[in-house]
Amino acid sequence: MSGERAVSVDDIRALAGPSTPHFALQIRNRVRRLIANLPQDDPVRIEGERQIARLEDLAKHSGDPRGPASVA
């Protein structure tokens, strides 16, 4: 990792925190890449997995909450 710094829990939270339903899956993929090589018990990985679950749930709400429009 020459020139790269380690990812922190704060980095994961800063990346995932302000996400919107529309971009949740793209951010999830970025978080997944950041934690991919970390050990299972690493606090950054644990937070990343928690945020991935939250982002996947958030993505479910990206559609129109009113449902399909009725045709008169």
PDB file of N, CA and C in Angstrom:
ATOM      1  N   MET A   1       0.829  -1.192   0.000  1.00  0.00           N
ATOM      2  CA  MET A   1       0.000   0.000   0.000  1.00  0.00           C
ATOM      3  C   MET A   1       0.868   1.248   0.000  1.00  0.00           C
ATOM      4  N   SER A   2       1.746   1.369  -0.918  1.00  0.00           N
ATOM      5  CA  SER A   2       2.605   2.553  -0.950  1.00  0.00           C
ATOM      6  C   SER A   2       1.798   3.781  -1.316  1.00  0.00           C
ATOM      7  N   GLY A   3       1.856   4.782  -0.441  1.00  0.00           N
ATOM      8  CA  GLY A   3       1.167   6.034  -0.704  1.00  0.00           C
ATOM      9  C   GLY A   3      -0.306   6.042  -0.326  1.00  0.00           C
ATOM     10  N   GLU A   4      -0.861   4.881   0.006  1.00  0.00           N
ATOM     11  CA  GLU A   4      -2.271   4.820   0.384  1.00  0.00           C
ATOM     12  C   GLU A   4      -2.384   4.728   1.895  1.00  0.00           C
ATOM     13  N   ARG A   5      -3.409   5.366   2.433  1.00  0.00           N
ATOM     14  CA  ARG A   5      -3.635   5.250   3.873  1.00  0.00           C
ATOM     15  C   ARG A   5      -4.742   4.232   4.107  1.00  0.00           C
ATOM     16  N   ALA A   6      -4.760   3.693   5.295  1.00  0.00           N
ATOM     17  CA  ALA A   6      -5.767   2.701   5.640  1.00  0.00           C
ATOM     18  C   ALA A   6      -7.136   3.365   5.733  1.00  0.00           C
ATOM     19  N   VAL A   7      -8.151   2.627   5.385  1.00  0.00           N
ATOM     20  CA  VAL A   7      -9.530   3.104   5.476  1.00  0.00           C
ATOM     21  C   VAL A   7      -9.952   3.049   6.938  1.00  0.00           C
ATOM     22  N   SER A   8     -10.662   4.069   7.392  1.00  0.00           N
ATOM     23  CA  SER A   8     -11.114   4.115   8.783  1.00  0.00           C
ATOM     24  C   SER A   8     -12.636   3.955   8.856  1.00  0.00           C
ATOM     25  N   VAL A   9     -13.112   3.698  10.063  1.00  0.00           N
ATOM     26  CA  VAL A   9     -14.562   3.638  10.305  1.00  0.00           C
ATOM     27  C   VAL A   9     -15.194   4.970   9.898  1.00  0.00           C
ATOM     28  N   ASP A  10     -14.525   6.070  10.224  1.00  0.00           N
ATOM     29  CA  ASP A  10     -15.057   7.394   9.844  1.00  0.00           C
ATOM     30  C   ASP A  10     -15.146   7.554   8.332  1.00  0.00           C
ATOM     31  N   ASP A  11     -14.178   6.979   7.593  1.00  0.00           N
ATOM     32  CA  ASP A  11     -14.232   7.038   6.128  1.00  0.00           C
ATOM     33  C   ASP A  11     -15.482   6.330   5.610  1.00  0.00           C
ATOM     34  N   ILE A  12     -15.752   5.157   6.159  1.00  0.00           N
ATOM     35  CA  ILE A  12     -16.926   4.391   5.733  1.00  0.00           C
ATOM     36  C   ILE A  12     -18.203   5.171   6.043  1.00  0.00           C
ATOM     37  N   ARG A  13     -18.265   5.726   7.234  1.00  0.00           N
ATOM     38  CA  ARG A  13     -19.464   6.495   7.623  1.00  0.00           C
ATOM     39  C   ARG A  13     -19.627   7.745   6.766  1.00  0.00           C
ATOM     40  N   ALA A  14     -18.533   8.409   6.441  1.00  0.00           N
ATOM     41  CA  ALA A  14     -18.604   9.618   5.612  1.00  0.00           C
ATOM     42  C   ALA A  14     -19.073   9.280   4.194  1.00  0.00           C
ATOM     43  N   LEU A  15     -18.652   8.149   3.688  1.00  0.00           N
ATOM     44  CA  LEU A  15     -19.044   7.734   2.340  1.00  0.00           C
ATOM     45  C   LEU A  15     -20.510   7.312   2.298  1.00  0.00           C
ATOM     46  N   ALA A  16     -20.929   6.511   3.263  1.00  0.00           N
ATOM     47  CA  ALA A  16     -22.270   5.928   3.232  1.00  0.00           C
ATOM     48  C   ALA A  16     -23.332   6.817   3.856  1.00  0.00           C
ATOM     49  N   GLY A  17     -22.971   7.632   4.801  1.00  0.00           N
ATOM     50  CA  GLY A  17     -23.939   8.409   5.566  1.00  0.00           C
ATOM     51  C   GLY A  17     -24.884   9.272   4.759  1.00  0.00           C
ATOM     52  N   PRO A  18     -24.383  10.106   3.859  1.00  0.00           N
ATOM     53  CA  PRO A  18     -25.278  11.029   3.146  1.00  0.00           C
ATOM     54  C   PRO A  18     -25.931  10.438   1.895  1.00  0.00           C
ATOM     55  N   SER A  19     -25.905   9.117   1.757  1.00  0.00           N
ATOM     56  CA  SER A  19     -26.430   8.520   0.532  1.00  0.00           C
ATOM     57  C   SER A  19     -27.936   8.677   0.400  1.00  0.00           C
ATOM     58  N   THR A  20     -28.364   8.688  -0.833  1.00  0.00           N
ATOM     59  CA  THR A  20     -29.785   8.756  -1.164  1.00  0.00           C
ATOM     60  C   THR A  20     -30.194   7.414  -1.769  1.00  0.00           C
ATOM     61  N   PRO A  21     -31.480   7.098  -1.795  1.00  0.00           N
ATOM     62  CA  PRO A  21     -31.903   5.825  -2.386  1.00  0.00           C
ATOM     63  C   PRO A  21     -31.383   5.628  -3.815  1.00  0.00           C
ATOM     64  N   HIS A  22     -31.354   6.698  -4.584  1.00  0.00           N
ATOM     65  CA  HIS A  22     -30.935   6.605  -5.980  1.00  0.00           C
ATOM     66  C   HIS A  22     -29.491   6.120  -6.131  1.00  0.00           C
ATOM     67  N   PHE A  23     -28.605   6.526  -5.232  1.00  0.00           N
ATOM     68  CA  PHE A  23     -27.183   6.182  -5.338  1.00  0.00           C
ATOM     69  C   PHE A  23     -26.743   5.127  -4.341  1.00  0.00           C
ATOM     70  N   ALA A  24     -27.660   4.563  -3.581  1.00  0.00           N
ATOM     71  CA  ALA A  24     -27.305   3.633  -2.511  1.00  0.00           C
ATOM     72  C   ALA A  24     -26.510   2.423  -3.008  1.00  0.00           C
ATOM     73  N   LEU A  25     -26.887   1.847  -4.126  1.00  0.00           N
ATOM     74  CA  LEU A  25     -26.193   0.651  -4.595  1.00  0.00           C
ATOM     75  C   LEU A  25     -24.798   0.957  -5.135  1.00  0.00           C
ATOM     76  N   GLN A  26     -24.618   2.117  -5.728  1.00  0.00           N
ATOM     77  CA  GLN A  26     -23.278   2.499  -6.177  1.00  0.00           C
ATOM     78  C   GLN A  26     -22.357   2.710  -4.977  1.00  0.00           C
ATOM     79  N   ILE A  27     -22.876   3.347  -3.946  1.00  0.00           N
ATOM     80  CA  ILE A  27     -22.076   3.566  -2.740  1.00  0.00           C
ATOM     81  C   ILE A  27     -21.806   2.231  -2.055  1.00  0.00           C
ATOM     82  N   ARG A  28     -22.806   1.358  -2.020  1.00  0.00           N
ATOM     83  CA  ARG A  28     -22.600   0.018  -1.461  1.00  0.00           C
ATOM     84  C   ARG A  28     -21.432  -0.678  -2.139  1.00  0.00           C
ATOM     85  N   ASN A  29     -21.365  -0.586  -3.448  1.00  0.00           N
ATOM     86  CA  ASN A  29     -20.276  -1.230  -4.187  1.00  0.00           C
ATOM     87  C   ASN A  29     -18.918  -0.636  -3.824  1.00  0.00           C
ATOM     88  N   ARG A  30     -18.863   0.663  -3.621  1.00  0.00           N
ATOM     89  CA  ARG A  30     -17.599   1.306  -3.218  1.00  0.00           C
ATOM     90  C   ARG A  30     -17.178   0.842  -1.833  1.00  0.00           C
ATOM     91  N   VAL A  31     -18.127   0.780  -0.915  1.00  0.00           N
ATOM     92  CA  VAL A  31     -17.824   0.313   0.442  1.00  0.00           C
ATOM     93  C   VAL A  31     -17.344  -1.138   0.376  1.00  0.00           C
ATOM     94  N   ARG A  32     -18.021  -1.948  -0.402  1.00  0.00           N
ATOM     95  CA  ARG A  32     -17.647  -3.361  -0.544  1.00  0.00           C
ATOM     96  C   ARG A  32     -16.201  -3.507  -1.023  1.00  0.00           C
ATOM     97  N   ARG A  33     -15.813  -2.684  -1.990  1.00  0.00           N
ATOM     98  CA  ARG A  33     -14.428  -2.735  -2.486  1.00  0.00           C
ATOM     99  C   ARG A  33     -13.437  -2.295  -1.409  1.00  0.00           C
ATOM    100  N   LEU A  34     -13.808  -1.291  -0.622  1.00  0.00           N
ATOM    101  CA  LEU A  34     -12.913  -0.787   0.412  1.00  0.00           C
ATOM    102  C   LEU A  34     -12.650  -1.803   1.520  1.00  0.00           C
ATOM    103  N   ILE A  35     -13.622  -2.636   1.826  1.00  0.00           N
ATOM    104  CA  ILE A  35     -13.468  -3.570   2.941  1.00  0.00           C
ATOM    105  C   ILE A  35     -13.118  -4.988   2.493  1.00  0.00           C
ATOM    106  N   ALA A  36     -13.045  -5.228   1.211  1.00  0.00           N
ATOM    107  CA  ALA A  36     -12.888  -6.580   0.670  1.00  0.00           C
ATOM    108  C   ALA A  36     -11.709  -7.350   1.260  1.00  0.00           C
ATOM    109  N   ASN A  37     -10.592  -6.707   1.466  1.00  0.00           N
ATOM    110  CA  ASN A  37      -9.397  -7.410   1.918  1.00  0.00           C
ATOM    111  C   ASN A  37      -9.158  -7.324   3.419  1.00  0.00           C
ATOM    112  N   LEU A  38     -10.112  -6.779   4.149  1.00  0.00           N
ATOM    113  CA  LEU A  38      -9.952  -6.646   5.591  1.00  0.00           C
ATOM    114  C   LEU A  38     -10.381  -7.934   6.301  1.00  0.00           C
ATOM    115  N   PRO A  39      -9.750  -8.235   7.433  1.00  0.00           N
ATOM    116  CA  PRO A  39     -10.158  -9.425   8.199  1.00  0.00           C
ATOM    117  C   PRO A  39     -11.593  -9.290   8.701  1.00  0.00           C
ATOM    118  N   GLN A  40     -12.249 -10.431   8.913  1.00  0.00           N
ATOM    119  CA  GLN A  40     -13.651 -10.450   9.347  1.00  0.00           C
ATOM    120  C   GLN A  40     -13.879  -9.678  10.637  1.00  0.00           C
ATOM    121  N   ASP A  41     -12.898  -9.652  11.536  1.00  0.00           N
ATOM    122  CA  ASP A  41     -13.087  -8.999  12.834  1.00  0.00           C
ATOM    123  C   ASP A  41     -12.571  -7.557  12.870  1.00  0.00           C
ATOM    124  N   ASP A  42     -12.174  -7.028  11.730  1.00  0.00           N
ATOM    125  CA  ASP A  42     -11.697  -5.645  11.668  1.00  0.00           C
ATOM    126  C   ASP A  42     -12.874  -4.693  11.879  1.00  0.00           C
ATOM    127  N   PRO A  43     -12.740  -3.717  12.775  1.00  0.00           N
ATOM    128  CA  PRO A  43     -13.847  -2.779  13.022  1.00  0.00           C
ATOM    129  C   PRO A  43     -14.309  -2.035  11.768  1.00  0.00           C
ATOM    130  N   VAL A  44     -13.403  -1.758  10.850  1.00  0.00           N
ATOM    131  CA  VAL A  44     -13.778  -1.075   9.607  1.00  0.00           C
ATOM    132  C   VAL A  44     -14.644  -1.993   8.755  1.00  0.00           C
ATOM    133  N   ARG A  45     -14.284  -3.266   8.701  1.00  0.00           N
ATOM    134  CA  ARG A  45     -15.092  -4.216   7.932  1.00  0.00           C
ATOM    135  C   ARG A  45     -16.476  -4.382   8.567  1.00  0.00           C
ATOM    136  N   ILE A  46     -16.517  -4.478   9.886  1.00  0.00           N
ATOM    137  CA  ILE A  46     -17.795  -4.631  10.588  1.00  0.00           C
ATOM    138  C   ILE A  46     -18.703  -3.437  10.306  1.00  0.00           C
ATOM    139  N   GLU A  47     -18.149  -2.228  10.387  1.00  0.00           N
ATOM    140  CA  GLU A  47     -18.942  -1.029  10.070  1.00  0.00           C
ATOM    141  C   GLU A  47     -19.334  -1.017   8.599  1.00  0.00           C
ATOM    142  N   GLY A  48     -18.423  -1.427   7.724  1.00  0.00           N
ATOM    143  CA  GLY A  48     -18.733  -1.483   6.300  1.00  0.00           C
ATOM    144  C   GLY A  48     -19.880  -2.422   6.003  1.00  0.00           C
ATOM    145  N   GLU A  49     -19.874  -3.590   6.629  1.00  0.00           N
ATOM    146  CA  GLU A  49     -20.962  -4.546   6.416  1.00  0.00           C
ATOM    147  C   GLU A  49     -22.281  -4.002   6.959  1.00  0.00           C
ATOM    148  N   ARG A  50     -22.222  -3.301   8.077  1.00  0.00           N
ATOM    149  CA  ARG A  50     -23.434  -2.680   8.632  1.00  0.00           C
ATOM    150  C   ARG A  50     -23.979  -1.632   7.666  1.00  0.00           C
ATOM    151  N   GLN A  51     -23.089  -0.828   7.104  1.00  0.00           N
ATOM    152  CA  GLN A  51     -23.515   0.205   6.158  1.00  0.00           C
ATOM    153  C   GLN A  51     -24.020  -0.410   4.852  1.00  0.00           C
ATOM    154  N   ILE A  52     -23.419  -1.510   4.420  1.00  0.00           N
ATOM    155  CA  ILE A  52     -23.889  -2.195   3.211  1.00  0.00           C
ATOM    156  C   ILE A  52     -25.335  -2.652   3.404  1.00  0.00           C
ATOM    157  N   ALA A  53     -25.635  -3.229   4.547  1.00  0.00           N
ATOM    158  CA  ALA A  53     -27.009  -3.662   4.826  1.00  0.00           C
ATOM    159  C   ALA A  53     -27.957  -2.470   4.818  1.00  0.00           C
ATOM    160  N   ARG A  54     -27.527  -1.356   5.414  1.00  0.00           N
ATOM    161  CA  ARG A  54     -28.366  -0.149   5.449  1.00  0.00           C
ATOM    162  C   ARG A  54     -28.583   0.393   4.038  1.00  0.00           C
ATOM    163  N   LEU A  55     -27.534   0.402   3.231  1.00  0.00           N
ATOM    164  CA  LEU A  55     -27.635   0.914   1.865  1.00  0.00           C
ATOM    165  C   LEU A  55     -28.552   0.036   1.011  1.00  0.00           C
ATOM    166  N   GLU A  56     -28.471  -1.281   1.203  1.00  0.00           N
ATOM    167  CA  GLU A  56     -29.352  -2.166   0.447  1.00  0.00           C
ATOM    168  C   GLU A  56     -30.809  -1.935   0.826  1.00  0.00           C
ATOM    169  N   ASP A  57     -31.060  -1.697   2.102  1.00  0.00           N
ATOM    170  CA  ASP A  57     -32.419  -1.386   2.534  1.00  0.00           C
ATOM    171  C   ASP A  57     -32.872  -0.044   1.958  1.00  0.00           C
ATOM    172  N   LEU A  58     -31.989   0.935   1.984  1.00  0.00           N
ATOM    173  CA  LEU A  58     -32.299   2.259   1.448  1.00  0.00           C
ATOM    174  C   LEU A  58     -32.628   2.188  -0.040  1.00  0.00           C
ATOM    175  N   ALA A  59     -31.915   1.341  -0.770  1.00  0.00           N
ATOM    176  CA  ALA A  59     -32.132   1.217  -2.219  1.00  0.00           C
ATOM    177  C   ALA A  59     -33.529   0.702  -2.547  1.00  0.00           C
ATOM    178  N   LYS A  60     -34.138  -0.028  -1.627  1.00  0.00           N
ATOM    179  CA  LYS A  60     -35.487  -0.549  -1.854  1.00  0.00           C
ATOM    180  C   LYS A  60     -36.514   0.579  -1.930  1.00  0.00           C
ATOM    181  N   HIS A  61     -36.138   1.748  -1.461  1.00  0.00           N
ATOM    182  CA  HIS A  61     -37.062   2.877  -1.402  1.00  0.00           C
ATOM    183  C   HIS A  61     -36.795   3.907  -2.504  1.00  0.00           C
ATOM    184  N   SER A  62     -36.180   3.464  -3.585  1.00  0.00           N
ATOM    185  CA  SER A  62     -35.836   4.415  -4.639  1.00  0.00           C
ATOM    186  C   SER A  62     -36.956   4.637  -5.640  1.00  0.00           C
ATOM    187  N   GLY A  63     -38.010   3.837  -5.565  1.00  0.00           N
ATOM    188  CA  GLY A  63     -39.127   3.997  -6.493  1.00  0.00           C
ATOM    189  C   GLY A  63     -40.088   5.070  -6.024  1.00  0.00           C
ATOM    190  N   ASP A  64     -41.107   5.280  -6.780  1.00  0.00           N
ATOM    191  CA  ASP A  64     -42.140   6.264  -6.444  1.00  0.00           C
ATOM    192  C   ASP A  64     -42.978   5.712  -5.299  1.00  0.00           C
ATOM    193  N   PRO A  65     -42.957   6.352  -4.137  1.00  0.00           N
ATOM    194  CA  PRO A  65     -43.679   5.821  -2.989  1.00  0.00           C
ATOM    195  C   PRO A  65     -45.201   5.846  -3.145  1.00  0.00           C
ATOM    196  N   ARG A  66     -45.699   6.564  -4.143  1.00  0.00           N
ATOM    197  CA  ARG A  66     -47.148   6.667  -4.338  1.00  0.00           C
ATOM    198  C   ARG A  66     -47.677   5.493  -5.131  1.00  0.00           C
ATOM    199  N   GLY A  67     -46.809   4.713  -5.720  1.00  0.00           N
ATOM    200  CA  GLY A  67     -47.255   3.579  -6.521  1.00  0.00           C
ATOM    201  C   GLY A  67     -47.550   3.999  -7.943  1.00  0.00           C
ATOM    202  N   PRO A  68     -48.036   3.061  -8.749  1.00  0.00           N
ATOM    203  CA  PRO A  68     -48.322   3.388 -10.148  1.00  0.00           C
ATOM    204  C   PRO A  68     -49.465   4.390 -10.271  1.00  0.00           C
ATOM    205  N   ALA A  69     -49.377   5.215 -11.256  1.00  0.00           N
ATOM    206  CA  ALA A  69     -50.423   6.214 -11.494  1.00  0.00           C
ATOM    207  C   ALA A  69     -51.661   5.536 -12.079  1.00  0.00           C
ATOM    208  N   SER A  70     -52.800   5.970 -11.647  1.00  0.00           N
ATOM    209  CA  SER A  70     -54.025   5.405 -12.203  1.00  0.00           C
ATOM    210  C   SER A  70     -54.388   6.149 -13.489  1.00  0.00           C
ATOM    211  N   VAL A  71     -54.939   5.429 -14.400  1.00  0.00           N
ATOM    212  CA  VAL A  71     -55.338   6.019 -15.679  1.00  0.00           C
ATOM    213  C   VAL A  71     -56.842   6.249 -15.618  1.00  0.00           C
ATOM    214  N   ALA A  72     -57.258   7.484 -15.866  1.00  0.00           N
ATOM    215  CA  ALA A  72     -58.681   7.816 -15.778  1.00  0.00           C
ATOM    216  C   ALA A  72     -59.393   7.549 -17.070  1.00  0.00           C
TER     217      ALA A  72
END
